[in-house]
Amino acid sequence: MLEEALDAGFHGAMIGTQPKGTSGVLDDPDLEPFWKVASRRKTTLFVHPTFGAPDQRLKAYGLVSAVGRVTDTTIALSRLLYSGHLVRYPGVKLAVSHGGAALPMVLGRLRRSFATAPAQNCDPMEGFKRLYFDTIVYDTATLRFVCELAGHDRLLMGTDAPFAIAEPEPVRFVDACKFGAQERAAILGDTAAELFGIHG
């Protein structure tokens, strides 16, 4: 289906974090044909959580959106980093919703775990350096931290529309971070245009 969509003129695709429901993982060997096509076609993929909130602790206080989806994305991306998917399929350009969820904050922990107990894991930094992140973090200090960690050329303006938690003024939010002109231009469109092959 991905190949058909690309042949039809689409510039990328959005995928969920749990491709087979609550037990699904993006590093499932059954998905290798998908990753091979995505890499061969140099596809940009946007990852968004599909968390269904089976955890009863999240059933109050709006925690599904506030915490549950962040946890879901963090687990899904951590598996991709440790599995080495982004190194094994180097043509894939993976953009992660919600500023990478908690991934930027736990990156040191992932590195430490790999250094002390590597098992069959791949170096998470090798994959992390290939990721892109949207700006949906709702806090200027957090977005500046993600920018410092990943680079301004790895950030894409987002809104999270049509969800209720959406950022109502995404450009104003980016401007509140007081990035330089080059950083601002990249975040507000230049990087996205390059990723999705949009010219003119």
C-alpha atoms as a PDB file:
ATOM      1  CA  MET A   1       0.000   0.000   0.000  1.00  0.00           C
ATOM      2  CA  LEU A   2       2.866   2.357   0.739  1.00  0.00           C
ATOM      3  CA  GLU A   3       4.320   1.782  -2.703  1.00  0.00           C
ATOM      4  CA  GLU A   4       0.926   2.436  -4.328  1.00  0.00           C
ATOM      5  CA  ALA A   5       0.509   5.668  -2.363  1.00  0.00           C
ATOM      6  CA  LEU A   6       3.948   6.905  -3.386  1.00  0.00           C
ATOM      7  CA  ASP A   7       3.298   5.970  -7.016  1.00  0.00           C
ATOM      8  CA  ALA A   8       0.041   7.949  -6.824  1.00  0.00           C
ATOM      9  CA  GLY A   9       1.969  11.078  -5.893  1.00  0.00           C
ATOM     10  CA  PHE A  10       1.874  11.117  -2.108  1.00  0.00           C
ATOM     11  CA  HIS A  11       5.034  12.531  -0.537  1.00  0.00           C
ATOM     12  CA  GLY A  12       5.028  10.378   2.602  1.00  0.00           C
ATOM     13  CA  ALA A  13       2.800   8.544   5.048  1.00  0.00           C
ATOM     14  CA  MET A  14       1.608   8.669   8.639  1.00  0.00           C
ATOM     15  CA  ILE A  15       1.944   5.503  10.712  1.00  0.00           C
ATOM     16  CA  GLY A  16       0.748   4.585  14.181  1.00  0.00           C
ATOM     17  CA  THR A  17       2.878   3.368  17.047  1.00  0.00           C
ATOM     18  CA  GLN A  18       0.992   0.084  17.423  1.00  0.00           C
ATOM     19  CA  PRO A  19       0.447  -1.440  13.974  1.00  0.00           C
ATOM     20  CA  LYS A  20      -1.309  -4.561  15.280  1.00  0.00           C
ATOM     21  CA  GLY A  21      -3.308  -3.028  18.077  1.00  0.00           C
ATOM     22  CA  THR A  22      -2.226  -2.875  21.713  1.00  0.00           C
ATOM     23  CA  SER A  23       0.296  -5.688  21.245  1.00  0.00           C
ATOM     24  CA  GLY A  24       1.809  -4.359  18.018  1.00  0.00           C
ATOM     25  CA  VAL A  25       5.360  -3.037  17.675  1.00  0.00           C
ATOM     26  CA  LEU A  26       6.991  -1.177  14.805  1.00  0.00           C
ATOM     27  CA  ASP A  27      10.060  -3.421  14.897  1.00  0.00           C
ATOM     28  CA  ASP A  28       7.959  -6.552  14.269  1.00  0.00           C
ATOM     29  CA  PRO A  29       9.772  -8.765  11.690  1.00  0.00           C
ATOM     30  CA  ASP A  30       6.460  -9.038   9.803  1.00  0.00           C
ATOM     31  CA  LEU A  31       6.818  -5.350   8.909  1.00  0.00           C
ATOM     32  CA  GLU A  32      10.180  -5.732   7.177  1.00  0.00           C
ATOM     33  CA  PRO A  33       8.615  -5.465   3.686  1.00  0.00           C
ATOM     34  CA  PHE A  34       7.143  -2.094   4.692  1.00  0.00           C
ATOM     35  CA  TRP A  35      10.467  -0.792   6.028  1.00  0.00           C
ATOM     36  CA  LYS A  36      12.319  -2.043   2.949  1.00  0.00           C
ATOM     37  CA  VAL A  37       9.970  -0.169   0.613  1.00  0.00           C
ATOM     38  CA  ALA A  38      10.106   2.951   2.778  1.00  0.00           C
ATOM     39  CA  SER A  39      13.904   2.902   2.734  1.00  0.00           C
ATOM     40  CA  ARG A  40      14.235   2.121  -0.972  1.00  0.00           C
ATOM     41  CA  ARG A  41      11.814   4.928  -1.866  1.00  0.00           C
ATOM     42  CA  LYS A  42      13.432   7.333   0.629  1.00  0.00           C
ATOM     43  CA  THR A  43      10.066   7.876   2.269  1.00  0.00           C
ATOM     44  CA  THR A  44       9.229  10.374   4.980  1.00  0.00           C
ATOM     45  CA  LEU A  45       7.095   8.738   7.680  1.00  0.00           C
ATOM     46  CA  PHE A  46       5.297  10.625  10.435  1.00  0.00           C
ATOM     47  CA  VAL A  47       4.765   8.601  13.624  1.00  0.00           C
ATOM     48  CA  HIS A  48       1.736   9.408  15.777  1.00  0.00           C
ATOM     49  CA  PRO A  49       0.550   7.467  18.833  1.00  0.00           C
ATOM     50  CA  THR A  50      -2.409   5.120  18.574  1.00  0.00           C
ATOM     51  CA  PHE A  51      -2.558   4.438  22.297  1.00  0.00           C
ATOM     52  CA  GLY A  52      -5.892   2.944  23.324  1.00  0.00           C
ATOM     53  CA  ALA A  53      -5.489   3.495  27.080  1.00  0.00           C
ATOM     54  CA  PRO A  54      -5.834  -0.074  28.392  1.00  0.00           C
ATOM     55  CA  ASP A  55      -4.043   1.087  31.552  1.00  0.00           C
ATOM     56  CA  GLN A  56      -6.774   1.861  34.085  1.00  0.00           C
ATOM     57  CA  ARG A  57      -4.563   4.428  35.820  1.00  0.00           C
ATOM     58  CA  LEU A  58      -5.036   6.715  32.808  1.00  0.00           C
ATOM     59  CA  LYS A  59      -8.830   6.747  32.940  1.00  0.00           C
ATOM     60  CA  ALA A  60      -9.038  10.009  34.906  1.00  0.00           C
ATOM     61  CA  TYR A  61      -7.709  13.583  34.757  1.00  0.00           C
ATOM     62  CA  GLY A  62      -7.250  13.544  30.973  1.00  0.00           C
ATOM     63  CA  LEU A  63      -4.134  11.428  31.389  1.00  0.00           C
ATOM     64  CA  VAL A  64      -4.634   9.585  28.099  1.00  0.00           C
ATOM     65  CA  SER A  65      -3.599  12.685  26.131  1.00  0.00           C
ATOM     66  CA  ALA A  66      -1.383  14.238  28.784  1.00  0.00           C
ATOM     67  CA  VAL A  67       0.708  11.149  29.574  1.00  0.00           C
ATOM     68  CA  GLY A  68      -0.552   7.973  27.874  1.00  0.00           C
ATOM     69  CA  ARG A  69       0.225   8.981  24.306  1.00  0.00           C
ATOM     70  CA  VAL A  70       3.633  10.297  25.357  1.00  0.00           C
ATOM     71  CA  THR A  71       4.454   6.965  26.995  1.00  0.00           C
ATOM     72  CA  ASP A  72       3.217   5.050  23.955  1.00  0.00           C
ATOM     73  CA  THR A  73       5.393   7.001  21.534  1.00  0.00           C
ATOM     74  CA  THR A  74       8.433   6.819  23.809  1.00  0.00           C
ATOM     75  CA  ILE A  75       8.219   3.026  24.010  1.00  0.00           C
ATOM     76  CA  ALA A  76       7.643   2.619  20.258  1.00  0.00           C
ATOM     77  CA  LEU A  77      10.592   4.831  19.320  1.00  0.00           C
ATOM     78  CA  SER A  78      12.896   3.325  21.955  1.00  0.00           C
ATOM     79  CA  ARG A  79      12.277  -0.077  20.385  1.00  0.00           C
ATOM     80  CA  LEU A  80      13.149   1.288  16.947  1.00  0.00           C
ATOM     81  CA  LEU A  81      16.363   2.799  18.289  1.00  0.00           C
ATOM     82  CA  TYR A  82      17.466  -0.355  20.084  1.00  0.00           C
ATOM     83  CA  SER A  83      16.467  -2.593  17.174  1.00  0.00           C
ATOM     84  CA  GLY A  84      18.613  -0.517  14.813  1.00  0.00           C
ATOM     85  CA  HIS A  85      15.798   0.033  12.317  1.00  0.00           C
ATOM     86  CA  LEU A  86      16.844   3.539  11.332  1.00  0.00           C
ATOM     87  CA  VAL A  87      20.367   2.331  10.644  1.00  0.00           C
ATOM     88  CA  ARG A  88      19.255  -0.809   8.841  1.00  0.00           C
ATOM     89  CA  TYR A  89      16.794   1.154   6.683  1.00  0.00           C
ATOM     90  CA  PRO A  90      18.762   4.374   6.083  1.00  0.00           C
ATOM     91  CA  GLY A  91      16.479   5.751   3.373  1.00  0.00           C
ATOM     92  CA  VAL A  92      13.641   6.253   5.855  1.00  0.00           C
ATOM     93  CA  LYS A  93      13.136   9.786   7.183  1.00  0.00           C
ATOM     94  CA  LEU A  94      11.184   9.416  10.414  1.00  0.00           C
ATOM     95  CA  ALA A  95       9.391  12.400  11.976  1.00  0.00           C
ATOM     96  CA  VAL A  96       8.057  11.889  15.496  1.00  0.00           C
ATOM     97  CA  SER A  97       5.007  13.647  16.887  1.00  0.00           C
ATOM     98  CA  HIS A  98       4.854  15.580  20.158  1.00  0.00           C
ATOM     99  CA  GLY A  99       8.486  16.636  20.112  1.00  0.00           C
ATOM    100  CA  GLY A 100       9.585  13.024  20.300  1.00  0.00           C
ATOM    101  CA  ALA A 101       7.434  12.464  23.401  1.00  0.00           C
ATOM    102  CA  ALA A 102       9.744  11.720  26.372  1.00  0.00           C
ATOM    103  CA  LEU A 103      12.506  10.391  24.132  1.00  0.00           C
ATOM    104  CA  PRO A 104      14.714  13.522  24.336  1.00  0.00           C
ATOM    105  CA  MET A 105      14.446  13.456  28.140  1.00  0.00           C
ATOM    106  CA  VAL A 106      15.332   9.750  28.483  1.00  0.00           C
ATOM    107  CA  LEU A 107      18.020   9.655  25.797  1.00  0.00           C
ATOM    108  CA  GLY A 108      20.773   9.687  28.416  1.00  0.00           C
ATOM    109  CA  ARG A 109      19.143   6.758  30.148  1.00  0.00           C
ATOM    110  CA  LEU A 110      18.899   4.824  26.879  1.00  0.00           C
ATOM    111  CA  ARG A 111      22.585   5.491  26.197  1.00  0.00           C
ATOM    112  CA  ARG A 112      23.538   4.400  29.704  1.00  0.00           C
ATOM    113  CA  SER A 113      21.485   1.229  29.485  1.00  0.00           C
ATOM    114  CA  PHE A 114      23.133   0.379  26.172  1.00  0.00           C
ATOM    115  CA  ALA A 115      26.607   1.015  27.598  1.00  0.00           C
ATOM    116  CA  THR A 116      26.065  -1.109  30.704  1.00  0.00           C
ATOM    117  CA  ALA A 117      23.915  -3.907  29.275  1.00  0.00           C
ATOM    118  CA  PRO A 118      24.037  -3.831  25.469  1.00  0.00           C
ATOM    119  CA  ALA A 119      22.692  -7.387  24.961  1.00  0.00           C
ATOM    120  CA  GLN A 120      21.566  -7.505  21.326  1.00  0.00           C
ATOM    121  CA  ASN A 121      20.696  -3.808  21.256  1.00  0.00           C
ATOM    122  CA  CYS A 122      22.007  -1.280  18.755  1.00  0.00           C
ATOM    123  CA  ASP A 123      23.478   2.046  19.855  1.00  0.00           C
ATOM    124  CA  PRO A 124      20.398   4.278  20.323  1.00  0.00           C
ATOM    125  CA  MET A 125      22.338   7.399  19.312  1.00  0.00           C
ATOM    126  CA  GLU A 126      22.859   6.083  15.794  1.00  0.00           C
ATOM    127  CA  GLY A 127      19.116   6.046  15.244  1.00  0.00           C
ATOM    128  CA  PHE A 128      18.347   9.179  17.235  1.00  0.00           C
ATOM    129  CA  LYS A 129      20.567  11.272  14.960  1.00  0.00           C
ATOM    130  CA  ARG A 130      18.289  10.326  12.051  1.00  0.00           C
ATOM    131  CA  LEU A 131      15.014  11.442  13.650  1.00  0.00           C
ATOM    132  CA  TYR A 132      12.927  14.564  13.050  1.00  0.00           C
ATOM    133  CA  PHE A 133      10.583  16.074  15.639  1.00  0.00           C
ATOM    134  CA  ASP A 134       7.504  18.276  15.534  1.00  0.00           C
ATOM    135  CA  THR A 135       7.098  21.293  17.820  1.00  0.00           C
ATOM    136  CA  ILE A 136       4.107  20.071  19.830  1.00  0.00           C
ATOM    137  CA  VAL A 137       5.534  20.371  23.332  1.00  0.00           C
ATOM    138  CA  TYR A 138       3.602  23.446  24.595  1.00  0.00           C
ATOM    139  CA  ASP A 139       6.627  24.820  26.446  1.00  0.00           C
ATOM    140  CA  THR A 140       9.347  27.049  24.999  1.00  0.00           C
ATOM    141  CA  ALA A 141      12.129  25.727  27.246  1.00  0.00           C
ATOM    142  CA  THR A 142      11.281  22.171  26.181  1.00  0.00           C
ATOM    143  CA  LEU A 143      11.315  23.036  22.491  1.00  0.00           C
ATOM    144  CA  ARG A 144      14.640  24.807  22.841  1.00  0.00           C
ATOM    145  CA  PHE A 145      15.997  21.708  24.601  1.00  0.00           C
ATOM    146  CA  VAL A 146      14.830  19.444  21.762  1.00  0.00           C
ATOM    147  CA  CYS A 147      16.388  21.871  19.278  1.00  0.00           C
ATOM    148  CA  GLU A 148      19.686  21.868  21.171  1.00  0.00           C
ATOM    149  CA  LEU A 149      19.683  18.077  21.329  1.00  0.00           C
ATOM    150  CA  ALA A 150      18.634  17.327  17.746  1.00  0.00           C
ATOM    151  CA  GLY A 151      19.431  20.490  15.775  1.00  0.00           C
ATOM    152  CA  HIS A 152      17.102  23.126  14.314  1.00  0.00           C
ATOM    153  CA  ASP A 153      17.166  21.347  10.955  1.00  0.00           C
ATOM    154  CA  ARG A 154      15.417  18.402  12.627  1.00  0.00           C
ATOM    155  CA  LEU A 155      12.372  20.342  13.838  1.00  0.00           C
ATOM    156  CA  LEU A 156       9.060  20.745  12.009  1.00  0.00           C
ATOM    157  CA  MET A 157       6.214  23.010  13.051  1.00  0.00           C
ATOM    158  CA  GLY A 158       3.143  21.051  14.129  1.00  0.00           C
ATOM    159  CA  THR A 159      -0.297  21.741  15.568  1.00  0.00           C
ATOM    160  CA  ASP A 160      -1.786  18.399  16.761  1.00  0.00           C
ATOM    161  CA  ALA A 161      -5.072  19.463  15.153  1.00  0.00           C
ATOM    162  CA  PRO A 162      -7.853  18.369  15.266  1.00  0.00           C
ATOM    163  CA  PHE A 163      -7.309  17.117  18.830  1.00  0.00           C
ATOM    164  CA  ALA A 164      -8.557  19.304  21.693  1.00  0.00           C
ATOM    165  CA  ILE A 165      -5.004  19.627  23.001  1.00  0.00           C
ATOM    166  CA  ALA A 166      -3.839  21.216  19.729  1.00  0.00           C
ATOM    167  CA  GLU A 167      -1.511  24.238  19.736  1.00  0.00           C
ATOM    168  CA  PRO A 168      -3.777  27.133  18.644  1.00  0.00           C
ATOM    169  CA  GLU A 169      -0.999  29.494  17.500  1.00  0.00           C
ATOM    170  CA  PRO A 170       1.934  27.349  16.356  1.00  0.00           C
ATOM    171  CA  VAL A 171       3.865  30.136  14.626  1.00  0.00           C
ATOM    172  CA  ARG A 172       3.590  32.409  17.658  1.00  0.00           C
ATOM    173  CA  PHE A 173       4.758  29.528  19.856  1.00  0.00           C
ATOM    174  CA  VAL A 174       7.840  28.969  17.695  1.00  0.00           C
ATOM    175  CA  ASP A 175       8.535  32.708  17.675  1.00  0.00           C
ATOM    176  CA  ALA A 176       8.324  32.776  21.492  1.00  0.00           C
ATOM    177  CA  CYS A 177      11.383  30.489  21.535  1.00  0.00           C
ATOM    178  CA  LYS A 178      13.411  33.338  19.982  1.00  0.00           C
ATOM    179  CA  PHE A 179      15.238  31.231  17.441  1.00  0.00           C
ATOM    180  CA  GLY A 180      17.503  32.913  14.900  1.00  0.00           C
ATOM    181  CA  ALA A 181      16.208  33.704  11.408  1.00  0.00           C
ATOM    182  CA  GLN A 182      17.741  30.599   9.838  1.00  0.00           C
ATOM    183  CA  GLU A 183      16.449  28.334  12.606  1.00  0.00           C
ATOM    184  CA  ARG A 184      12.979  29.888  12.406  1.00  0.00           C
ATOM    185  CA  ALA A 185      12.756  29.464   8.630  1.00  0.00           C
ATOM    186  CA  ALA A 186      13.784  25.827   8.863  1.00  0.00           C
ATOM    187  CA  ILE A 187      11.269  25.025  11.611  1.00  0.00           C
ATOM    188  CA  LEU A 188       8.381  26.925  10.014  1.00  0.00           C
ATOM    189  CA  GLY A 189       8.593  25.195   6.654  1.00  0.00           C
ATOM    190  CA  ASP A 190      11.952  24.786   4.948  1.00  0.00           C
ATOM    191  CA  THR A 191      12.757  21.417   6.523  1.00  0.00           C
ATOM    192  CA  ALA A 192       9.253  20.053   5.929  1.00  0.00           C
ATOM    193  CA  ALA A 193       9.357  21.149   2.279  1.00  0.00           C
ATOM    194  CA  GLU A 194      12.668  19.361   1.830  1.00  0.00           C
ATOM    195  CA  LEU A 195      11.496  16.211   3.606  1.00  0.00           C
ATOM    196  CA  PHE A 196       8.311  15.900   1.588  1.00  0.00           C
ATOM    197  CA  GLY A 197       9.808  17.030  -1.715  1.00  0.00           C
ATOM    198  CA  ILE A 198       7.574  20.082  -1.997  1.00  0.00           C
ATOM    199  CA  HIS A 199       8.998  22.814  -4.226  1.00  0.00           C
ATOM    200  CA  GLY A 200       7.685  26.174  -5.376  1.00  0.00           C
END
